[in-house]
């Protein structure tokens, strides 16, 4: 098995590659991904479906956009040697590398004032039980198996912050955005978690 390269620099904002476009990751000996954050997310999801995240080293040449530059900085792209990293997943088959958002599916005539009813638990801590404007999730690349959560009750109110391994949500219909890509349908349940059974190999 040899190096497989994916040039996904042509993806537009909010666009994810089709599964077929990254299916070749499953049989690779090593991977080189060129493109935005969502390109790397899609390739890692394909590797995970094949059960090969621990076997296949992945290199990434980030796109020249702010999210890609931010993640490249967080991951130390271009510095150090090969290393194993946590993988943040969700219960709908996705991988989260930088930023997830959970917010009302119905925005109404005043979108900025929209809220949804939600119960949320971050590990054993209840972080939401009522109406909120949105919930945001970010992998913490300075820690192991950790996600950071910010719950924004409403505009102009201070958010609530927490850290832990898993976030479970049950709510009114919600829109989920993963690394800039909107999930194709509203959901009422969602889980993000740093999978402590899985590691992926970054070759920076």
N, C-alpha and C. Protein backbone atom coordinates (compact mmCIF):
# COMPACT_ATOMS: atom_id res chain seq x y z
N UNK A 1 0.85 -1.20 0.00
CA UNK A 1 0.00 0.00 0.00
C UNK A 1 0.88 1.24 0.00
N UNK A 2 0.49 2.24 -0.78
CA UNK A 2 1.34 3.40 -0.98
C UNK A 2 0.62 4.67 -0.55
N UNK A 3 1.32 5.79 -0.79
CA UNK A 3 0.75 7.09 -0.47
C UNK A 3 -0.42 7.39 -1.39
N UNK A 4 -1.53 7.83 -0.80
CA UNK A 4 -2.70 8.27 -1.56
C UNK A 4 -2.90 9.75 -1.27
N UNK A 5 -3.07 10.54 -2.32
CA UNK A 5 -3.23 11.98 -2.18
C UNK A 5 -4.66 12.38 -2.54
N UNK A 6 -5.20 13.30 -1.75
CA UNK A 6 -6.52 13.87 -2.03
C UNK A 6 -6.36 15.38 -2.17
N UNK A 7 -6.62 15.88 -3.38
CA UNK A 7 -6.58 17.32 -3.60
C UNK A 7 -8.02 17.82 -3.59
N UNK A 8 -8.42 18.40 -2.45
CA UNK A 8 -9.79 18.86 -2.25
C UNK A 8 -9.84 20.37 -2.06
N UNK A 9 -8.88 21.05 -2.67
CA UNK A 9 -8.81 22.50 -2.53
C UNK A 9 -9.95 23.21 -3.25
N UNK A 10 -10.67 22.50 -4.11
CA UNK A 10 -11.77 23.11 -4.84
C UNK A 10 -13.08 23.16 -4.08
N UNK A 11 -13.13 22.62 -2.87
CA UNK A 11 -14.36 22.66 -2.08
C UNK A 11 -14.73 24.10 -1.75
N UNK A 12 -16.01 24.43 -1.91
CA UNK A 12 -16.47 25.76 -1.57
C UNK A 12 -16.83 25.87 -0.11
N UNK A 13 -17.09 27.08 0.38
CA UNK A 13 -17.51 27.27 1.78
C UNK A 13 -18.78 26.46 2.08
N UNK A 14 -18.74 25.72 3.18
CA UNK A 14 -19.89 24.92 3.57
C UNK A 14 -20.10 23.66 2.77
N UNK A 15 -19.13 23.29 1.95
CA UNK A 15 -19.25 22.10 1.09
C UNK A 15 -18.34 20.99 1.59
N UNK A 16 -18.89 19.80 1.71
CA UNK A 16 -18.11 18.62 2.11
C UNK A 16 -17.92 17.71 0.90
N UNK A 17 -16.83 16.97 0.85
CA UNK A 17 -16.67 16.03 -0.26
C UNK A 17 -17.63 14.86 -0.15
N UNK A 18 -18.02 14.30 -1.26
CA UNK A 18 -18.83 13.09 -1.27
C UNK A 18 -18.01 11.93 -0.69
N UNK A 19 -18.73 10.97 -0.08
CA UNK A 19 -18.02 9.81 0.47
C UNK A 19 -17.18 9.11 -0.59
N UNK A 20 -17.71 9.05 -1.81
CA UNK A 20 -16.98 8.35 -2.87
C UNK A 20 -15.66 9.04 -3.19
N UNK A 21 -15.59 10.35 -2.94
CA UNK A 21 -14.38 11.10 -3.27
C UNK A 21 -13.23 10.78 -2.33
N UNK A 22 -13.53 10.25 -1.14
CA UNK A 22 -12.48 9.94 -0.16
C UNK A 22 -12.42 8.45 0.17
N UNK A 23 -13.16 7.63 -0.58
CA UNK A 23 -13.22 6.20 -0.29
C UNK A 23 -11.85 5.54 -0.39
N UNK A 24 -10.97 6.09 -1.23
CA UNK A 24 -9.65 5.50 -1.39
C UNK A 24 -8.79 5.55 -0.15
N UNK A 25 -9.19 6.33 0.84
CA UNK A 25 -8.43 6.40 2.09
C UNK A 25 -8.36 5.04 2.78
N UNK A 26 -9.39 4.24 2.58
CA UNK A 26 -9.48 2.96 3.30
C UNK A 26 -8.34 2.02 2.97
N UNK A 27 -7.77 2.13 1.77
CA UNK A 27 -6.74 1.18 1.33
C UNK A 27 -5.35 1.78 1.28
N UNK A 28 -5.18 2.98 1.81
CA UNK A 28 -3.90 3.68 1.69
C UNK A 28 -2.89 3.18 2.71
N UNK A 29 -1.61 3.35 2.35
CA UNK A 29 -0.54 3.12 3.31
C UNK A 29 -0.18 4.38 4.06
N UNK A 30 -0.41 5.52 3.41
CA UNK A 30 -0.22 6.84 4.00
C UNK A 30 -1.09 7.80 3.20
N UNK A 31 -1.42 8.94 3.81
CA UNK A 31 -2.34 9.87 3.17
C UNK A 31 -1.79 11.29 3.18
N UNK A 32 -2.04 12.00 2.10
CA UNK A 32 -1.77 13.43 2.02
C UNK A 32 -3.06 14.11 1.59
N UNK A 33 -3.56 15.03 2.44
CA UNK A 33 -4.81 15.73 2.17
C UNK A 33 -4.49 17.20 1.93
N UNK A 34 -4.95 17.71 0.79
CA UNK A 34 -4.84 19.13 0.49
C UNK A 34 -6.24 19.73 0.48
N UNK A 35 -6.43 20.79 1.28
CA UNK A 35 -7.75 21.41 1.28
C UNK A 35 -8.14 21.96 2.63
N UNK A 36 -9.41 22.36 2.77
CA UNK A 36 -9.88 22.98 4.01
C UNK A 36 -10.08 21.96 5.12
N UNK A 37 -10.50 22.46 6.27
CA UNK A 37 -10.70 21.61 7.45
C UNK A 37 -11.62 20.44 7.13
N UNK A 38 -12.72 20.72 6.43
CA UNK A 38 -13.71 19.67 6.17
C UNK A 38 -13.13 18.56 5.29
N UNK A 39 -12.12 18.86 4.48
CA UNK A 39 -11.47 17.81 3.69
C UNK A 39 -10.76 16.82 4.60
N UNK A 40 -10.02 17.36 5.58
CA UNK A 40 -9.34 16.48 6.54
C UNK A 40 -10.35 15.71 7.37
N UNK A 41 -11.43 16.34 7.78
CA UNK A 41 -12.48 15.66 8.55
C UNK A 41 -13.05 14.48 7.77
N UNK A 42 -13.33 14.70 6.49
CA UNK A 42 -13.94 13.65 5.68
C UNK A 42 -13.00 12.47 5.50
N UNK A 43 -11.72 12.75 5.30
CA UNK A 43 -10.74 11.67 5.13
C UNK A 43 -10.59 10.88 6.43
N UNK A 44 -10.55 11.57 7.56
CA UNK A 44 -10.45 10.86 8.85
C UNK A 44 -11.70 10.03 9.12
N UNK A 45 -12.87 10.54 8.73
CA UNK A 45 -14.10 9.75 8.89
C UNK A 45 -14.05 8.49 8.04
N UNK A 46 -13.52 8.61 6.82
CA UNK A 46 -13.39 7.43 5.95
C UNK A 46 -12.41 6.43 6.54
N UNK A 47 -11.29 6.93 7.09
CA UNK A 47 -10.33 6.04 7.74
C UNK A 47 -10.95 5.32 8.93
N UNK A 48 -11.76 6.07 9.70
CA UNK A 48 -12.39 5.45 10.87
C UNK A 48 -13.39 4.37 10.45
N UNK A 49 -14.17 4.62 9.41
CA UNK A 49 -15.11 3.61 8.93
C UNK A 49 -14.38 2.33 8.53
N UNK A 50 -13.16 2.49 8.04
CA UNK A 50 -12.37 1.32 7.63
C UNK A 50 -11.61 0.71 8.81
N UNK A 51 -11.67 1.33 9.99
CA UNK A 51 -10.96 0.82 11.16
C UNK A 51 -9.46 0.96 11.06
N UNK A 52 -8.97 2.02 10.38
CA UNK A 52 -7.54 2.11 10.11
C UNK A 52 -6.90 3.41 10.60
N UNK A 53 -7.55 4.14 11.48
CA UNK A 53 -6.98 5.41 11.93
C UNK A 53 -5.64 5.22 12.64
N UNK A 54 -5.47 4.11 13.34
CA UNK A 54 -4.23 3.88 14.08
C UNK A 54 -3.09 3.41 13.18
N UNK A 55 -3.41 3.00 11.94
CA UNK A 55 -2.41 2.41 11.06
C UNK A 55 -1.85 3.37 10.03
N UNK A 56 -2.64 4.34 9.62
CA UNK A 56 -2.31 5.14 8.43
C UNK A 56 -1.92 6.56 8.83
N UNK A 57 -0.67 6.97 8.62
CA UNK A 57 -0.29 8.36 8.92
C UNK A 57 -0.92 9.32 7.92
N UNK A 58 -1.33 10.47 8.43
CA UNK A 58 -2.03 11.47 7.61
C UNK A 58 -1.25 12.78 7.65
N UNK A 59 -0.94 13.31 6.48
CA UNK A 59 -0.36 14.65 6.35
C UNK A 59 -1.43 15.57 5.77
N UNK A 60 -1.35 16.84 6.16
CA UNK A 60 -2.36 17.81 5.72
C UNK A 60 -1.68 19.08 5.24
N UNK A 61 -2.04 19.51 4.03
CA UNK A 61 -1.65 20.82 3.51
C UNK A 61 -2.89 21.70 3.55
N UNK A 62 -3.00 22.56 4.57
CA UNK A 62 -4.25 23.31 4.77
C UNK A 62 -4.51 24.33 3.68
N UNK A 63 -5.79 24.60 3.46
CA UNK A 63 -6.19 25.67 2.55
C UNK A 63 -5.83 27.02 3.18
N UNK A 64 -5.88 28.05 2.37
CA UNK A 64 -5.54 29.39 2.84
C UNK A 64 -6.81 30.13 3.27
N UNK A 65 -7.48 29.61 4.29
CA UNK A 65 -8.63 30.29 4.86
C UNK A 65 -8.45 30.32 6.37
N UNK A 66 -9.21 31.17 7.04
CA UNK A 66 -9.00 31.37 8.48
C UNK A 66 -9.19 30.09 9.29
N UNK A 67 -10.27 29.30 9.06
CA UNK A 67 -10.39 28.07 9.85
C UNK A 67 -9.23 27.11 9.65
N UNK A 68 -8.77 26.97 8.40
CA UNK A 68 -7.65 26.06 8.14
C UNK A 68 -6.38 26.55 8.80
N UNK A 69 -6.12 27.85 8.72
CA UNK A 69 -4.93 28.39 9.37
C UNK A 69 -5.00 28.19 10.88
N UNK A 70 -6.19 28.37 11.46
CA UNK A 70 -6.35 28.19 12.90
C UNK A 70 -6.11 26.76 13.33
N UNK A 71 -6.69 25.80 12.59
CA UNK A 71 -6.49 24.39 12.94
C UNK A 71 -5.04 23.99 12.72
N UNK A 72 -4.43 24.45 11.64
CA UNK A 72 -3.02 24.13 11.39
C UNK A 72 -2.15 24.60 12.55
N UNK A 73 -2.46 25.76 13.06
CA UNK A 73 -1.71 26.28 14.22
C UNK A 73 -1.95 25.40 15.44
N UNK A 74 -3.21 25.02 15.68
CA UNK A 74 -3.53 24.18 16.84
C UNK A 74 -2.86 22.81 16.76
N UNK A 75 -2.77 22.26 15.55
CA UNK A 75 -2.18 20.93 15.37
C UNK A 75 -0.66 20.96 15.24
N UNK A 76 -0.10 22.15 15.09
CA UNK A 76 1.35 22.25 14.91
C UNK A 76 1.81 21.73 13.57
N UNK A 77 1.00 22.01 12.52
CA UNK A 77 1.38 21.55 11.18
C UNK A 77 2.72 22.18 10.79
N UNK A 78 3.63 21.34 10.30
CA UNK A 78 4.95 21.81 9.91
C UNK A 78 5.98 21.77 11.02
N UNK A 79 5.59 21.28 12.19
CA UNK A 79 6.52 21.23 13.33
C UNK A 79 6.50 19.84 13.95
N UNK A 80 7.61 19.43 14.52
CA UNK A 80 7.67 18.19 15.28
C UNK A 80 7.59 16.95 14.40
N UNK A 81 7.48 15.81 15.08
CA UNK A 81 7.42 14.54 14.38
C UNK A 81 6.02 13.96 14.39
N UNK A 82 5.92 12.76 13.85
CA UNK A 82 4.63 12.07 13.79
C UNK A 82 4.10 11.84 15.20
N UNK A 83 2.80 12.01 15.39
CA UNK A 83 2.21 11.85 16.71
C UNK A 83 0.78 11.34 16.62
N UNK A 84 0.33 10.74 17.72
CA UNK A 84 -1.04 10.25 17.81
C UNK A 84 -1.92 11.30 18.49
N UNK A 85 -3.13 11.50 17.95
CA UNK A 85 -4.04 12.50 18.46
C UNK A 85 -5.42 11.91 18.72
N UNK A 86 -6.16 12.59 19.59
CA UNK A 86 -7.54 12.20 19.87
C UNK A 86 -8.41 12.40 18.63
N UNK A 87 -9.50 11.65 18.58
CA UNK A 87 -10.48 11.81 17.51
C UNK A 87 -11.83 12.13 18.13
N UNK A 88 -12.35 13.31 17.79
CA UNK A 88 -13.68 13.71 18.27
C UNK A 88 -14.69 13.30 17.21
N UNK A 89 -15.67 12.52 17.63
CA UNK A 89 -16.66 11.96 16.72
C UNK A 89 -18.06 12.38 17.15
N UNK A 90 -19.05 12.05 16.30
CA UNK A 90 -20.44 12.21 16.69
C UNK A 90 -21.20 10.93 16.39
N UNK A 91 -22.42 10.84 16.87
CA UNK A 91 -23.19 9.61 16.70
C UNK A 91 -23.92 9.55 15.36
N UNK A 92 -23.54 10.43 14.43
CA UNK A 92 -24.07 10.38 13.08
C UNK A 92 -22.96 10.13 12.06
N UNK A 93 -21.84 9.59 12.51
CA UNK A 93 -20.79 9.17 11.60
C UNK A 93 -19.77 10.22 11.22
N UNK A 94 -19.81 11.38 11.88
CA UNK A 94 -18.91 12.45 11.51
C UNK A 94 -17.72 12.59 12.45
N UNK A 95 -16.77 13.39 12.00
CA UNK A 95 -15.57 13.73 12.77
C UNK A 95 -15.55 15.25 12.92
N UNK A 96 -15.20 15.72 14.11
CA UNK A 96 -15.12 17.16 14.38
C UNK A 96 -13.68 17.52 14.69
N UNK A 97 -13.13 18.46 13.91
CA UNK A 97 -11.75 18.87 14.12
C UNK A 97 -11.61 20.26 14.70
N UNK A 98 -12.60 21.12 14.45
CA UNK A 98 -12.41 22.49 14.88
C UNK A 98 -13.61 23.10 15.59
N UNK A 99 -14.80 23.05 14.99
CA UNK A 99 -15.91 23.81 15.56
C UNK A 99 -17.25 23.16 15.20
N UNK A 100 -18.02 22.83 16.22
CA UNK A 100 -19.38 22.35 16.03
C UNK A 100 -20.37 23.32 16.63
N UNK A 101 -21.55 23.43 16.02
CA UNK A 101 -22.57 24.35 16.51
C UNK A 101 -23.94 23.67 16.48
N UNK A 102 -24.70 23.90 17.54
CA UNK A 102 -26.04 23.31 17.70
C UNK A 102 -26.97 24.48 18.01
N UNK A 103 -27.95 24.74 17.12
CA UNK A 103 -28.77 25.93 17.27
C UNK A 103 -30.17 25.67 16.72
N UNK A 104 -31.12 26.60 16.93
CA UNK A 104 -32.51 26.35 16.53
C UNK A 104 -32.64 26.12 15.02
N UNK A 105 -33.45 25.13 14.65
CA UNK A 105 -33.74 24.91 13.24
C UNK A 105 -34.71 25.97 12.71
N UNK A 106 -35.63 26.42 13.57
CA UNK A 106 -36.58 27.46 13.19
C UNK A 106 -36.05 28.81 13.66
N UNK A 107 -35.80 29.72 12.71
CA UNK A 107 -35.21 31.01 13.06
C UNK A 107 -36.24 32.12 13.19
N UNK A 108 -37.42 31.96 12.57
CA UNK A 108 -38.47 32.97 12.70
C UNK A 108 -38.11 34.28 12.03
N UNK A 109 -38.88 35.32 12.38
CA UNK A 109 -38.68 36.63 11.76
C UNK A 109 -37.51 37.39 12.39
N UNK A 110 -37.09 36.96 13.58
CA UNK A 110 -35.96 37.59 14.26
C UNK A 110 -34.89 36.52 14.51
N UNK A 111 -34.10 36.19 13.49
CA UNK A 111 -33.15 35.08 13.62
C UNK A 111 -32.20 35.21 14.79
N UNK A 112 -31.75 36.43 15.09
CA UNK A 112 -30.78 36.60 16.16
C UNK A 112 -31.39 36.34 17.53
N UNK A 113 -32.72 36.38 17.63
CA UNK A 113 -33.38 36.15 18.91
C UNK A 113 -33.87 34.70 19.06
N UNK A 114 -33.62 33.85 18.05
CA UNK A 114 -34.12 32.48 18.09
C UNK A 114 -33.46 31.68 19.21
N UNK A 115 -34.27 30.84 19.84
CA UNK A 115 -33.74 29.95 20.88
C UNK A 115 -34.42 28.58 20.74
N UNK A 116 -33.85 27.59 21.40
CA UNK A 116 -34.45 26.26 21.40
C UNK A 116 -34.38 25.67 22.79
N UNK A 117 -35.35 24.83 23.09
CA UNK A 117 -35.33 24.10 24.36
C UNK A 117 -34.40 22.91 24.25
N UNK A 118 -33.51 22.77 25.24
CA UNK A 118 -32.50 21.71 25.16
C UNK A 118 -32.09 21.26 26.55
N UNK A 119 -31.84 19.98 26.67
CA UNK A 119 -31.14 19.42 27.82
C UNK A 119 -29.80 18.92 27.33
N UNK A 120 -28.75 19.30 28.04
CA UNK A 120 -27.40 18.94 27.62
C UNK A 120 -26.58 18.52 28.83
N UNK A 121 -25.86 17.42 28.68
CA UNK A 121 -24.96 16.93 29.72
C UNK A 121 -23.55 16.80 29.13
N UNK A 122 -22.60 17.43 29.82
CA UNK A 122 -21.19 17.33 29.45
C UNK A 122 -20.55 16.43 30.49
N UNK A 123 -20.31 15.18 30.11
CA UNK A 123 -19.98 14.13 31.07
C UNK A 123 -21.09 14.07 32.13
N UNK A 124 -20.78 14.21 33.40
CA UNK A 124 -21.80 14.12 34.44
C UNK A 124 -22.43 15.47 34.79
N UNK A 125 -21.98 16.52 34.14
CA UNK A 125 -22.46 17.87 34.47
C UNK A 125 -23.59 18.28 33.52
N UNK A 126 -24.70 18.72 34.10
CA UNK A 126 -25.78 19.25 33.27
C UNK A 126 -25.44 20.70 32.93
N UNK A 127 -25.23 20.98 31.64
CA UNK A 127 -24.80 22.30 31.22
C UNK A 127 -25.92 23.12 30.60
N UNK A 128 -27.06 22.49 30.31
CA UNK A 128 -28.21 23.22 29.80
C UNK A 128 -29.48 22.46 30.14
N UNK A 129 -30.51 23.19 30.54
CA UNK A 129 -31.83 22.61 30.80
C UNK A 129 -32.85 23.72 30.65
N UNK A 130 -33.21 24.02 29.41
CA UNK A 130 -34.13 25.13 29.15
C UNK A 130 -33.84 25.74 27.80
N UNK A 131 -34.13 27.02 27.66
CA UNK A 131 -33.99 27.71 26.38
C UNK A 131 -32.58 28.28 26.22
N UNK A 132 -31.98 28.02 25.07
CA UNK A 132 -30.65 28.57 24.77
C UNK A 132 -30.63 29.07 23.34
N UNK A 133 -29.69 29.96 23.05
CA UNK A 133 -29.51 30.46 21.69
C UNK A 133 -28.69 29.47 20.85
N UNK A 134 -27.64 28.91 21.43
CA UNK A 134 -26.80 27.96 20.70
C UNK A 134 -25.84 27.29 21.67
N UNK A 135 -25.28 26.18 21.22
CA UNK A 135 -24.24 25.48 21.95
C UNK A 135 -23.10 25.22 20.97
N UNK A 136 -21.88 25.54 21.39
CA UNK A 136 -20.72 25.39 20.53
C UNK A 136 -19.73 24.41 21.16
N UNK A 137 -19.07 23.66 20.30
CA UNK A 137 -18.15 22.60 20.74
C UNK A 137 -16.85 22.73 19.97
N UNK A 138 -15.73 22.60 20.67
CA UNK A 138 -14.41 22.61 20.04
C UNK A 138 -13.53 21.53 20.66
N UNK A 139 -12.84 20.74 19.85
CA UNK A 139 -11.83 19.86 20.40
C UNK A 139 -10.73 20.68 21.07
N UNK A 140 -10.24 20.19 22.19
CA UNK A 140 -9.14 20.84 22.89
C UNK A 140 -7.86 20.10 22.54
N UNK A 141 -7.07 20.68 21.63
CA UNK A 141 -5.86 20.02 21.15
C UNK A 141 -4.70 20.14 22.13
N UNK A 142 -4.90 20.86 23.24
CA UNK A 142 -3.86 20.93 24.27
C UNK A 142 -4.04 19.84 25.31
N UNK A 143 -5.11 19.06 25.20
CA UNK A 143 -5.42 18.01 26.18
C UNK A 143 -5.72 16.72 25.44
N UNK A 144 -5.90 15.65 26.19
CA UNK A 144 -6.21 14.34 25.62
C UNK A 144 -7.70 14.04 25.84
N UNK A 145 -8.37 13.62 24.76
CA UNK A 145 -9.77 13.20 24.84
C UNK A 145 -10.64 14.25 25.53
N UNK A 146 -10.54 15.49 25.05
CA UNK A 146 -11.26 16.59 25.70
C UNK A 146 -11.93 17.48 24.66
N UNK A 147 -13.18 17.86 24.95
CA UNK A 147 -13.86 18.87 24.15
C UNK A 147 -14.27 20.02 25.07
N UNK A 148 -14.24 21.22 24.51
CA UNK A 148 -14.68 22.41 25.23
C UNK A 148 -16.06 22.82 24.71
N UNK A 149 -16.95 23.13 25.65
CA UNK A 149 -18.34 23.44 25.31
C UNK A 149 -18.68 24.84 25.82
N UNK A 150 -19.37 25.61 24.98
CA UNK A 150 -19.86 26.94 25.35
C UNK A 150 -21.36 26.96 25.11
N UNK A 151 -22.13 27.21 26.17
CA UNK A 151 -23.58 27.31 26.07
C UNK A 151 -23.95 28.79 26.17
N UNK A 152 -24.61 29.30 25.13
CA UNK A 152 -25.03 30.71 25.09
C UNK A 152 -26.54 30.77 25.32
N UNK A 153 -26.97 31.18 26.53
CA UNK A 153 -28.41 31.18 26.82
C UNK A 153 -29.19 32.12 25.91
N UNK A 154 -28.69 33.33 25.70
CA UNK A 154 -29.31 34.29 24.80
C UNK A 154 -28.34 35.44 24.57
N UNK A 155 -28.72 36.29 23.61
CA UNK A 155 -27.86 37.42 23.29
C UNK A 155 -27.64 38.30 24.51
N UNK A 156 -26.42 38.80 24.62
CA UNK A 156 -26.05 39.75 25.66
C UNK A 156 -25.97 39.12 27.05
N UNK A 157 -26.09 37.81 27.15
CA UNK A 157 -25.91 37.13 28.43
C UNK A 157 -24.59 36.37 28.39
N UNK A 158 -23.88 36.32 29.50
CA UNK A 158 -22.59 35.60 29.50
C UNK A 158 -22.79 34.11 29.26
N UNK A 159 -21.93 33.50 28.46
CA UNK A 159 -22.05 32.06 28.20
C UNK A 159 -21.54 31.23 29.37
N UNK A 160 -21.96 29.96 29.36
CA UNK A 160 -21.46 28.99 30.34
C UNK A 160 -20.47 28.07 29.64
N UNK A 161 -19.33 27.84 30.28
CA UNK A 161 -18.26 27.06 29.67
C UNK A 161 -17.96 25.80 30.48
N UNK A 162 -17.58 24.75 29.79
CA UNK A 162 -17.21 23.50 30.46
C UNK A 162 -16.23 22.72 29.60
N UNK A 163 -15.52 21.80 30.23
CA UNK A 163 -14.62 20.90 29.51
C UNK A 163 -14.91 19.47 29.96
N UNK A 164 -14.71 18.53 29.06
CA UNK A 164 -14.96 17.13 29.39
C UNK A 164 -14.80 16.28 28.14
N UNK A 165 -15.27 15.04 28.21
CA UNK A 165 -15.06 14.11 27.10
C UNK A 165 -16.25 14.02 26.16
N UNK A 166 -17.49 14.06 26.69
CA UNK A 166 -18.65 13.80 25.85
C UNK A 166 -19.77 14.78 26.15
N UNK A 167 -20.46 15.22 25.10
CA UNK A 167 -21.62 16.10 25.22
C UNK A 167 -22.82 15.41 24.60
N UNK A 168 -23.89 15.24 25.40
CA UNK A 168 -25.13 14.64 24.92
C UNK A 168 -26.23 15.68 24.94
N UNK A 169 -26.97 15.75 23.83
CA UNK A 169 -27.99 16.78 23.64
C UNK A 169 -29.33 16.15 23.28
N UNK A 170 -30.41 16.67 23.87
CA UNK A 170 -31.78 16.33 23.49
C UNK A 170 -32.56 17.64 23.47
N UNK A 171 -33.31 17.89 22.38
CA UNK A 171 -33.80 19.25 22.20
C UNK A 171 -35.00 19.31 21.26
N UNK A 172 -35.53 20.54 21.12
CA UNK A 172 -36.39 20.87 20.00
C UNK A 172 -35.60 20.70 18.71
N UNK A 173 -36.26 20.70 17.54
CA UNK A 173 -35.52 20.55 16.29
C UNK A 173 -34.37 21.55 16.18
N UNK A 174 -33.20 21.02 15.86
CA UNK A 174 -31.98 21.83 15.86
C UNK A 174 -31.21 21.64 14.56
N UNK A 175 -30.46 22.67 14.20
CA UNK A 175 -29.53 22.60 13.08
C UNK A 175 -28.12 22.37 13.63
N UNK A 176 -27.43 21.40 13.06
CA UNK A 176 -26.06 21.09 13.46
C UNK A 176 -25.10 21.50 12.35
N UNK A 177 -24.04 22.18 12.73
CA UNK A 177 -22.98 22.54 11.79
C UNK A 177 -21.68 21.93 12.28
N UNK A 178 -21.02 21.17 11.40
CA UNK A 178 -19.76 20.51 11.74
C UNK A 178 -18.66 21.05 10.85
N UNK A 179 -17.70 21.72 11.45
CA UNK A 179 -16.57 22.27 10.71
C UNK A 179 -17.06 23.04 9.47
N UNK A 180 -18.10 23.85 9.67
CA UNK A 180 -18.60 24.73 8.62
C UNK A 180 -19.62 24.13 7.69
N UNK A 181 -19.93 22.84 7.84
CA UNK A 181 -20.88 22.16 6.95
C UNK A 181 -22.15 21.83 7.73
N UNK A 182 -23.30 22.26 7.21
CA UNK A 182 -24.58 22.04 7.88
C UNK A 182 -25.04 20.61 7.65
N UNK A 183 -25.42 19.92 8.73
CA UNK A 183 -25.99 18.59 8.61
C UNK A 183 -27.28 18.68 7.80
N UNK A 184 -27.57 17.68 6.93
CA UNK A 184 -28.64 17.86 5.94
C UNK A 184 -30.07 17.90 6.48
N UNK A 185 -30.29 17.59 7.74
CA UNK A 185 -31.67 17.62 8.26
C UNK A 185 -31.66 18.03 9.72
N UNK A 186 -32.77 18.61 10.21
CA UNK A 186 -32.86 18.94 11.63
C UNK A 186 -32.78 17.68 12.49
N UNK A 187 -32.26 17.83 13.70
CA UNK A 187 -32.14 16.71 14.63
C UNK A 187 -32.75 17.11 15.97
N UNK A 188 -33.09 16.12 16.78
CA UNK A 188 -33.54 16.38 18.14
C UNK A 188 -32.63 15.71 19.18
N UNK A 189 -31.67 14.93 18.70
CA UNK A 189 -30.67 14.32 19.59
C UNK A 189 -29.33 14.32 18.88
N UNK A 190 -28.29 14.53 19.67
CA UNK A 190 -26.94 14.56 19.08
C UNK A 190 -25.93 14.32 20.19
N UNK A 191 -24.84 13.66 19.85
CA UNK A 191 -23.74 13.45 20.79
C UNK A 191 -22.42 13.71 20.08
N UNK A 192 -21.60 14.52 20.73
CA UNK A 192 -20.19 14.67 20.33
C UNK A 192 -19.34 14.07 21.44
N UNK A 193 -18.29 13.35 21.08
CA UNK A 193 -17.44 12.76 22.12
C UNK A 193 -16.02 12.54 21.59
N UNK A 194 -15.08 12.74 22.49
CA UNK A 194 -13.69 12.39 22.20
C UNK A 194 -13.54 10.89 22.48
N UNK A 195 -13.37 10.12 21.43
CA UNK A 195 -13.38 8.66 21.54
C UNK A 195 -12.03 8.18 22.10
N UNK A 196 -12.05 7.76 23.36
CA UNK A 196 -10.80 7.36 24.01
C UNK A 196 -10.29 6.01 23.53
N UNK A 197 -11.04 5.35 22.64
CA UNK A 197 -10.59 4.07 22.08
C UNK A 197 -9.87 4.25 20.75
N UNK A 198 -9.88 5.47 20.22
CA UNK A 198 -9.40 5.71 18.86
C UNK A 198 -8.32 6.79 18.86
N UNK A 199 -7.28 6.57 18.10
CA UNK A 199 -6.25 7.58 17.85
C UNK A 199 -6.02 7.66 16.34
N UNK A 200 -5.64 8.86 15.88
CA UNK A 200 -5.21 9.00 14.50
C UNK A 200 -3.80 9.54 14.46
N UNK A 201 -3.08 9.23 13.38
CA UNK A 201 -1.65 9.55 13.28
C UNK A 201 -1.44 10.75 12.38
N UNK A 202 -0.99 11.84 12.97
CA UNK A 202 -0.67 13.05 12.21
C UNK A 202 0.82 13.04 11.87
N UNK A 203 1.11 13.18 10.60
CA UNK A 203 2.49 13.33 10.14
C UNK A 203 2.64 14.77 9.65
N UNK A 204 3.09 15.68 10.52
CA UNK A 204 3.02 17.12 10.22
C UNK A 204 4.01 17.59 9.17
